Amino acid sequence: MAEQRNGDGFPALLGAALRDVVMDDEAERRAVAAFRLARDSDDRATSPRREDDWRPGVG
């Protein structure tokens, strides 16, 4: 997609798409709290599976 000189190119489209995003503050707070709880947990029962490791040469 070639960028047009009248401002209707990719940057303008991307900006318009981002401005239309509606944030749910409560959902974001719950997600961050769940992430922090899992990160700080000492429970090692949820170790990653080998097939989840996408590093080259591992597995």
Protein backbone atom coordinates (compact mmCIF):
# COMPACT_ATOMS: atom_id res chain seq x y z
CA MET A 1 0.00 0.00 0.00
CA ALA A 2 1.68 3.19 -1.14
CA GLU A 3 1.38 6.22 1.08
CA GLN A 4 -0.64 9.00 -0.52
CA ARG A 5 0.36 12.64 -0.26
CA ASN A 6 -3.06 13.81 1.00
CA GLY A 7 -2.67 12.15 4.42
CA ASP A 8 -4.80 9.08 3.70
CA GLY A 9 -1.86 6.67 3.77
CA PHE A 10 -0.91 4.06 6.32
CA PRO A 11 0.02 6.47 9.15
CA ALA A 12 -3.37 8.19 8.89
CA LEU A 13 -5.22 4.86 8.82
CA LEU A 14 -3.25 3.52 11.77
CA GLY A 15 -3.91 6.68 13.76
CA ALA A 16 -7.63 6.49 13.04
CA ALA A 17 -7.73 2.84 14.12
CA LEU A 18 -5.93 3.56 17.38
CA ARG A 19 -8.15 6.51 18.25
CA ASP A 20 -11.24 4.29 17.99
CA VAL A 21 -10.00 1.91 20.72
CA VAL A 22 -12.16 1.87 23.84
CA MET A 23 -10.24 0.91 26.97
CA ASP A 24 -11.87 -1.04 29.78
CA ASP A 25 -9.97 0.21 32.83
CA GLU A 26 -11.41 -2.40 35.20
CA ALA A 27 -10.51 -5.27 32.86
CA GLU A 28 -6.98 -3.91 32.54
CA ARG A 29 -6.64 -3.72 36.34
CA ARG A 30 -7.83 -7.32 36.70
CA ALA A 31 -5.42 -8.54 34.02
CA VAL A 32 -2.45 -6.78 35.60
CA ALA A 33 -3.39 -8.11 39.03
CA ALA A 34 -3.62 -11.67 37.66
CA PHE A 35 -0.25 -11.31 35.93
CA ARG A 36 1.42 -10.04 39.09
CA LEU A 37 -0.12 -12.79 41.20
CA ALA A 38 1.12 -15.47 38.79
CA ARG A 39 4.56 -13.86 38.48
CA ASP A 40 5.05 -13.57 42.24
CA SER A 41 3.67 -17.01 43.01
CA ASP A 42 6.11 -19.66 44.20
CA ASP A 43 4.07 -22.37 42.50
CA ARG A 44 6.40 -24.07 40.02
CA ALA A 45 3.75 -26.54 38.85
CA THR A 46 3.11 -24.38 35.81
CA SER A 47 6.51 -24.82 34.19
CA PRO A 48 6.58 -24.28 30.42
CA ARG A 49 6.33 -27.24 28.10
CA ARG A 50 9.21 -28.02 25.74
CA GLU A 51 7.00 -27.39 22.73
CA ASP A 52 6.32 -23.86 24.05
CA ASP A 53 10.01 -22.98 23.85
CA TRP A 54 10.54 -21.48 20.41
CA ARG A 55 14.23 -20.69 20.83
CA PRO A 56 16.32 -22.13 17.98
CA GLY A 57 18.24 -25.25 18.86
CA VAL A 58 16.37 -25.97 22.10
CA GLY A 59 14.25 -29.03 22.70
